[in-house]
């Protein structure tokens, strides 16, 4: 059902989570969540959104499962559940859901592109009305 799906406006709310360190790899390099998810063949932003939509314990459990299969960071083998819980806390809280009431759009919140096209449409309608009136008022 669509009412339970979470909608995220852009990926920036996931940056604290995605850029958080997971641990060091065998070469001593810090590995981030983003790198971990990518190395696991997942889209980091889609996975972050899915985890955030799960929320709380479910997100931590899913992330722990993902981290348990990640072998590039040796320390995760024994600590993946703890690391997953700490990382899950960095996920944003659930956002507006599809089907939820939406506040009316304020005129000031329109983008400049939208404002431009609204003005163009109004001018077009006015020109059309002008031609209609002048064509019917002739001899």
C-alpha atoms as a PDB file:
ATOM      1  CA  UNK A   1       0.000   0.000   0.000  1.00  0.00           C
ATOM      2  CA  UNK A   2       1.437   3.389  -0.969  1.00  0.00           C
ATOM      3  CA  UNK A   3       0.486   5.088   2.295  1.00  0.00           C
ATOM      4  CA  UNK A   4       3.306   3.252   4.087  1.00  0.00           C
ATOM      5  CA  UNK A   5       6.089   4.207   1.676  1.00  0.00           C
ATOM      6  CA  UNK A   6       8.450   6.961   2.724  1.00  0.00           C
ATOM      7  CA  UNK A   7       9.377   9.714   0.311  1.00  0.00           C
ATOM      8  CA  UNK A   8      12.741  11.454   0.550  1.00  0.00           C
ATOM      9  CA  UNK A   9      13.247  14.778  -1.170  1.00  0.00           C
ATOM     10  CA  UNK A  10      16.953  14.377  -1.936  1.00  0.00           C
ATOM     11  CA  UNK A  11      19.868  12.287  -0.793  1.00  0.00           C
ATOM     12  CA  UNK A  12      21.543  14.886   1.411  1.00  0.00           C
ATOM     13  CA  UNK A  13      19.707  13.765   4.543  1.00  0.00           C
ATOM     14  CA  UNK A  14      21.606  10.461   4.267  1.00  0.00           C
ATOM     15  CA  UNK A  15      25.093  12.002   4.157  1.00  0.00           C
ATOM     16  CA  UNK A  16      25.860  11.670   7.903  1.00  0.00           C
ATOM     17  CA  UNK A  17      24.973   7.983   7.623  1.00  0.00           C
ATOM     18  CA  UNK A  18      26.626   7.273   4.265  1.00  0.00           C
ATOM     19  CA  UNK A  19      29.899   9.028   5.094  1.00  0.00           C
ATOM     20  CA  UNK A  20      30.215   7.489   8.553  1.00  0.00           C
ATOM     21  CA  UNK A  21      33.169   5.150   9.006  1.00  0.00           C
ATOM     22  CA  UNK A  22      32.537   1.425   9.264  1.00  0.00           C
ATOM     23  CA  UNK A  23      36.114   0.575  10.182  1.00  0.00           C
ATOM     24  CA  UNK A  24      39.550   0.043   8.666  1.00  0.00           C
ATOM     25  CA  UNK A  25      40.242  -2.353   5.845  1.00  0.00           C
ATOM     26  CA  UNK A  26      43.298  -4.626   5.728  1.00  0.00           C
ATOM     27  CA  UNK A  27      45.378  -1.765   4.281  1.00  0.00           C
ATOM     28  CA  UNK A  28      44.539   0.581   7.160  1.00  0.00           C
ATOM     29  CA  UNK A  29      42.158   2.705   5.046  1.00  0.00           C
ATOM     30  CA  UNK A  30      38.914   3.963   6.566  1.00  0.00           C
ATOM     31  CA  UNK A  31      35.880   2.423   4.868  1.00  0.00           C
ATOM     32  CA  UNK A  32      32.589   4.358   4.913  1.00  0.00           C
ATOM     33  CA  UNK A  33      29.029   3.054   4.808  1.00  0.00           C
ATOM     34  CA  UNK A  34      28.791   4.388   1.246  1.00  0.00           C
ATOM     35  CA  UNK A  35      31.834   2.390   0.179  1.00  0.00           C
ATOM     36  CA  UNK A  36      30.610  -0.696   2.034  1.00  0.00           C
ATOM     37  CA  UNK A  37      27.200  -0.656   0.357  1.00  0.00           C
ATOM     38  CA  UNK A  38      28.753  -0.025  -3.052  1.00  0.00           C
ATOM     39  CA  UNK A  39      31.225  -2.892  -2.578  1.00  0.00           C
ATOM     40  CA  UNK A  40      28.267  -5.118  -1.703  1.00  0.00           C
ATOM     41  CA  UNK A  41      26.722  -4.226  -5.060  1.00  0.00           C
ATOM     42  CA  UNK A  42      23.975  -2.027  -3.600  1.00  0.00           C
ATOM     43  CA  UNK A  43      22.970   1.531  -4.482  1.00  0.00           C
ATOM     44  CA  UNK A  44      24.020   3.387  -1.300  1.00  0.00           C
ATOM     45  CA  UNK A  45      21.284   6.048  -1.476  1.00  0.00           C
ATOM     46  CA  UNK A  46      18.509   3.555  -2.224  1.00  0.00           C
ATOM     47  CA  UNK A  47      19.678   1.293   0.577  1.00  0.00           C
ATOM     48  CA  UNK A  48      19.934   4.240   2.987  1.00  0.00           C
ATOM     49  CA  UNK A  49      16.376   5.261   2.082  1.00  0.00           C
ATOM     50  CA  UNK A  50      15.145   1.700   2.571  1.00  0.00           C
ATOM     51  CA  UNK A  51      16.880   1.459   5.952  1.00  0.00           C
ATOM     52  CA  UNK A  52      15.516   4.824   7.061  1.00  0.00           C
ATOM     53  CA  UNK A  53      12.025   3.761   6.016  1.00  0.00           C
ATOM     54  CA  UNK A  54      12.357   0.666   8.206  1.00  0.00           C
ATOM     55  CA  UNK A  55      13.372   2.773  11.176  1.00  0.00           C
ATOM     56  CA  UNK A  56      14.855   1.800  14.537  1.00  0.00           C
ATOM     57  CA  UNK A  57      15.570  -1.818  15.341  1.00  0.00           C
ATOM     58  CA  UNK A  58      14.552  -3.129  11.925  1.00  0.00           C
ATOM     59  CA  UNK A  59      17.074  -0.841  10.217  1.00  0.00           C
ATOM     60  CA  UNK A  60      19.773  -1.918  12.654  1.00  0.00           C
ATOM     61  CA  UNK A  61      18.995  -5.597  12.052  1.00  0.00           C
ATOM     62  CA  UNK A  62      19.040  -5.214   8.267  1.00  0.00           C
ATOM     63  CA  UNK A  63      22.288  -3.251   8.407  1.00  0.00           C
ATOM     64  CA  UNK A  64      23.842  -5.850  10.742  1.00  0.00           C
ATOM     65  CA  UNK A  65      22.963  -8.538   8.199  1.00  0.00           C
ATOM     66  CA  UNK A  66      24.601  -6.534   5.415  1.00  0.00           C
ATOM     67  CA  UNK A  67      27.711  -5.817   7.480  1.00  0.00           C
ATOM     68  CA  UNK A  68      28.063  -9.463   8.536  1.00  0.00           C
ATOM     69  CA  UNK A  69      28.707 -10.358   4.893  1.00  0.00           C
ATOM     70  CA  UNK A  70      31.262  -7.613   4.349  1.00  0.00           C
ATOM     71  CA  UNK A  71      34.756  -9.110   4.625  1.00  0.00           C
ATOM     72  CA  UNK A  72      36.859  -6.041   3.677  1.00  0.00           C
ATOM     73  CA  UNK A  73      36.807  -4.740   7.285  1.00  0.00           C
ATOM     74  CA  UNK A  74      38.073  -7.541   9.546  1.00  0.00           C
ATOM     75  CA  UNK A  75      36.784  -5.948  12.789  1.00  0.00           C
ATOM     76  CA  UNK A  76      33.196  -6.185  11.533  1.00  0.00           C
ATOM     77  CA  UNK A  77      33.322  -9.962  11.864  1.00  0.00           C
ATOM     78  CA  UNK A  78      32.972  -9.737  15.621  1.00  0.00           C
ATOM     79  CA  UNK A  79      31.375  -6.284  16.034  1.00  0.00           C
ATOM     80  CA  UNK A  80      28.935  -5.957  13.118  1.00  0.00           C
ATOM     81  CA  UNK A  81      25.813  -5.773  15.339  1.00  0.00           C
ATOM     82  CA  UNK A  82      27.204  -2.987  17.530  1.00  0.00           C
ATOM     83  CA  UNK A  83      28.481  -1.037  14.529  1.00  0.00           C
ATOM     84  CA  UNK A  84      25.127  -1.491  12.754  1.00  0.00           C
ATOM     85  CA  UNK A  85      23.171  -0.133  15.760  1.00  0.00           C
ATOM     86  CA  UNK A  86      25.442   2.916  15.999  1.00  0.00           C
ATOM     87  CA  UNK A  87      25.211   3.571  12.259  1.00  0.00           C
ATOM     88  CA  UNK A  88      21.421   3.099  12.197  1.00  0.00           C
ATOM     89  CA  UNK A  89      21.176   5.946  14.726  1.00  0.00           C
ATOM     90  CA  UNK A  90      22.642   8.245  12.037  1.00  0.00           C
ATOM     91  CA  UNK A  91      19.747   7.600   9.662  1.00  0.00           C
ATOM     92  CA  UNK A  92      17.200  10.418   9.349  1.00  0.00           C
ATOM     93  CA  UNK A  93      13.807  10.018  10.966  1.00  0.00           C
ATOM     94  CA  UNK A  94      10.972   8.987   8.712  1.00  0.00           C
ATOM     95  CA  UNK A  95       9.812  11.704   6.338  1.00  0.00           C
ATOM     96  CA  UNK A  96       6.512  12.601   4.706  1.00  0.00           C
ATOM     97  CA  UNK A  97       4.665   9.507   3.542  1.00  0.00           C
ATOM     98  CA  UNK A  98       2.904   9.132   0.227  1.00  0.00           C
ATOM     99  CA  UNK A  99      -0.806   9.692   0.694  1.00  0.00           C
ATOM    100  CA  UNK A 100      -0.357  11.738   3.844  1.00  0.00           C
ATOM    101  CA  UNK A 101      -1.993  15.155   3.955  1.00  0.00           C
ATOM    102  CA  UNK A 102       0.140  17.787   2.317  1.00  0.00           C
ATOM    103  CA  UNK A 103       0.029  21.424   3.317  1.00  0.00           C
ATOM    104  CA  UNK A 104      -1.078  23.849   0.608  1.00  0.00           C
ATOM    105  CA  UNK A 105       1.727  25.142  -1.559  1.00  0.00           C
ATOM    106  CA  UNK A 106       2.623  28.689  -0.640  1.00  0.00           C
ATOM    107  CA  UNK A 107       3.309  31.031  -3.556  1.00  0.00           C
ATOM    108  CA  UNK A 108       6.690  31.908  -2.060  1.00  0.00           C
ATOM    109  CA  UNK A 109       7.744  28.267  -2.209  1.00  0.00           C
ATOM    110  CA  UNK A 110       7.464  27.985  -5.988  1.00  0.00           C
ATOM    111  CA  UNK A 111      10.765  27.604  -7.762  1.00  0.00           C
ATOM    112  CA  UNK A 112      11.877  30.292 -10.169  1.00  0.00           C
ATOM    113  CA  UNK A 113      11.410  27.852 -13.064  1.00  0.00           C
ATOM    114  CA  UNK A 114       7.836  27.164 -11.999  1.00  0.00           C
ATOM    115  CA  UNK A 115       7.163  30.862 -11.571  1.00  0.00           C
ATOM    116  CA  UNK A 116       8.508  31.529 -15.058  1.00  0.00           C
ATOM    117  CA  UNK A 117       6.225  28.943 -16.678  1.00  0.00           C
ATOM    118  CA  UNK A 118       3.192  30.178 -14.733  1.00  0.00           C
ATOM    119  CA  UNK A 119       3.843  33.712 -15.988  1.00  0.00           C
ATOM    120  CA  UNK A 120       4.310  32.442 -19.564  1.00  0.00           C
ATOM    121  CA  UNK A 121       1.007  30.530 -19.373  1.00  0.00           C
ATOM    122  CA  UNK A 122      -0.867  33.570 -18.005  1.00  0.00           C
ATOM    123  CA  UNK A 123       0.578  35.823 -20.721  1.00  0.00           C
ATOM    124  CA  UNK A 124      -0.344  33.255 -23.369  1.00  0.00           C
ATOM    125  CA  UNK A 125      -3.946  33.076 -22.129  1.00  0.00           C
ATOM    126  CA  UNK A 126      -4.200  36.871 -22.038  1.00  0.00           C
ATOM    127  CA  UNK A 127      -2.889  37.153 -25.618  1.00  0.00           C
ATOM    128  CA  UNK A 128      -5.382  34.527 -26.756  1.00  0.00           C
ATOM    129  CA  UNK A 129      -8.217  36.430 -25.059  1.00  0.00           C
ATOM    130  CA  UNK A 130      -7.062  39.659 -26.690  1.00  0.00           C
ATOM    131  CA  UNK A 131      -7.105  38.092 -30.163  1.00  0.00           C
ATOM    132  CA  UNK A 132     -10.518  36.585 -29.502  1.00  0.00           C
ATOM    133  CA  UNK A 133     -11.996  39.921 -28.419  1.00  0.00           C
ATOM    134  CA  UNK A 134     -10.461  41.893 -31.297  1.00  0.00           C
ATOM    135  CA  UNK A 135     -11.513  39.350 -33.932  1.00  0.00           C
ATOM    136  CA  UNK A 136     -15.173  39.528 -32.818  1.00  0.00           C
ATOM    137  CA  UNK A 137     -15.334  43.314 -32.490  1.00  0.00           C
ATOM    138  CA  UNK A 138     -14.464  44.043 -36.138  1.00  0.00           C
ATOM    139  CA  UNK A 139     -16.896  45.356 -38.887  1.00  0.00           C
END
